[in-house]
Protein backbone atom coordinates (compact mmCIF):
# COMPACT_ATOMS: atom_id res chain seq x y z
CA MET A 1 -30.68 -4.40 18.47
CA LEU A 2 -28.29 -5.21 15.23
CA THR A 3 -30.12 -4.12 11.99
CA LEU A 4 -28.69 -5.20 8.93
CA TYR A 5 -29.55 -3.47 5.68
CA PHE A 6 -28.30 -5.21 2.24
CA LEU A 7 -29.12 -3.83 -1.31
CA LEU A 8 -28.77 -7.34 -2.79
CA HIS A 9 -29.84 -10.74 -1.39
CA GLU A 10 -29.22 -14.18 -3.91
CA HIS A 11 -29.62 -17.52 -3.10
CA LEU A 12 -26.71 -19.45 -5.18
CA LEU A 13 -24.72 -22.58 -4.92
CA ILE A 14 -21.15 -23.22 -4.33
CA ASN A 15 -19.79 -26.16 -5.34
CA GLY A 16 -23.39 -27.60 -5.01
CA VAL A 17 -23.96 -26.58 -1.73
CA SER A 18 -26.66 -23.79 -1.06
CA ALA A 19 -25.11 -20.36 -0.22
CA GLU A 20 -26.61 -17.05 0.27
CA TYR A 21 -25.01 -14.03 -0.88
CA TYR A 22 -25.65 -10.25 0.48
CA GLY A 23 -24.34 -7.47 -1.43
CA PRO A 24 -23.45 -3.92 -0.34
CA SER A 25 -26.03 -1.56 0.74
CA GLU A 26 -25.78 2.14 0.94
CA GLU A 27 -25.19 1.90 4.69
CA SER A 28 -22.15 -0.54 4.09
CA ASP A 29 -19.90 -1.31 1.31
CA THR A 30 -19.17 -4.90 2.74
CA SER A 31 -20.58 -8.05 1.31
CA ASN A 32 -21.08 -11.26 2.81
CA LEU A 33 -21.07 -14.82 1.40
CA LEU A 34 -22.56 -17.57 3.84
CA TRP A 35 -23.15 -21.36 3.27
CA ILE A 36 -23.13 -24.59 5.21
CA ASP A 37 -21.49 -27.62 3.86
CA GLU A 38 -23.29 -30.13 5.91
CA GLU A 39 -21.39 -33.24 4.59
CA MET A 40 -18.41 -31.65 6.01
CA GLY A 41 -19.81 -30.43 9.12
CA VAL A 42 -18.59 -26.45 8.26
CA PHE A 43 -20.18 -23.12 8.39
CA CYS A 44 -18.39 -20.95 6.27
CA THR A 45 -18.74 -17.22 5.99
CA LEU A 46 -16.73 -14.81 3.95
CA GLN A 47 -17.38 -10.97 4.40
CA GLY A 48 -15.38 -8.06 2.87
CA HIS A 49 -15.05 -5.31 0.01
CA ILE A 50 -14.65 -7.37 -2.72
CA SER A 51 -16.75 -8.25 -5.47
CA LYS A 52 -19.46 -11.14 -6.02
CA GLU A 53 -17.45 -12.43 -8.36
CA GLU A 54 -14.26 -12.70 -6.36
CA MET A 55 -15.97 -14.00 -3.51
CA LEU A 56 -17.44 -16.87 -5.38
CA CYS A 57 -13.85 -17.53 -6.78
CA ILE A 58 -12.50 -17.82 -3.41
CA ALA A 59 -15.63 -19.96 -2.11
CA GLU A 60 -15.29 -22.31 -5.08
CA GLY A 61 -11.78 -22.80 -4.45
CA MET A 62 -11.99 -23.71 -0.99
CA GLU A 63 -11.33 -27.53 0.23
CA PHE A 64 -12.23 -29.51 3.06
CA SER A 65 -10.73 -32.78 4.40
CA ARG A 66 -11.48 -34.85 7.13
CA LYS A 67 -8.18 -36.08 8.85
């Protein structure tokens, strides 16, 4: 069984879309940012050893288009 421990969990908005941020913990210094853009039909996740502010900057700069 996979058990995840996060020191910080926060609900936020990315460009008006509901998102979940999971900050680093004592067991792992990895942060995760997850959101679903239902209008575009995409699930997004960012994971890494970067700050919450950096993750938000990356996420807010992402653009999706339909071809």
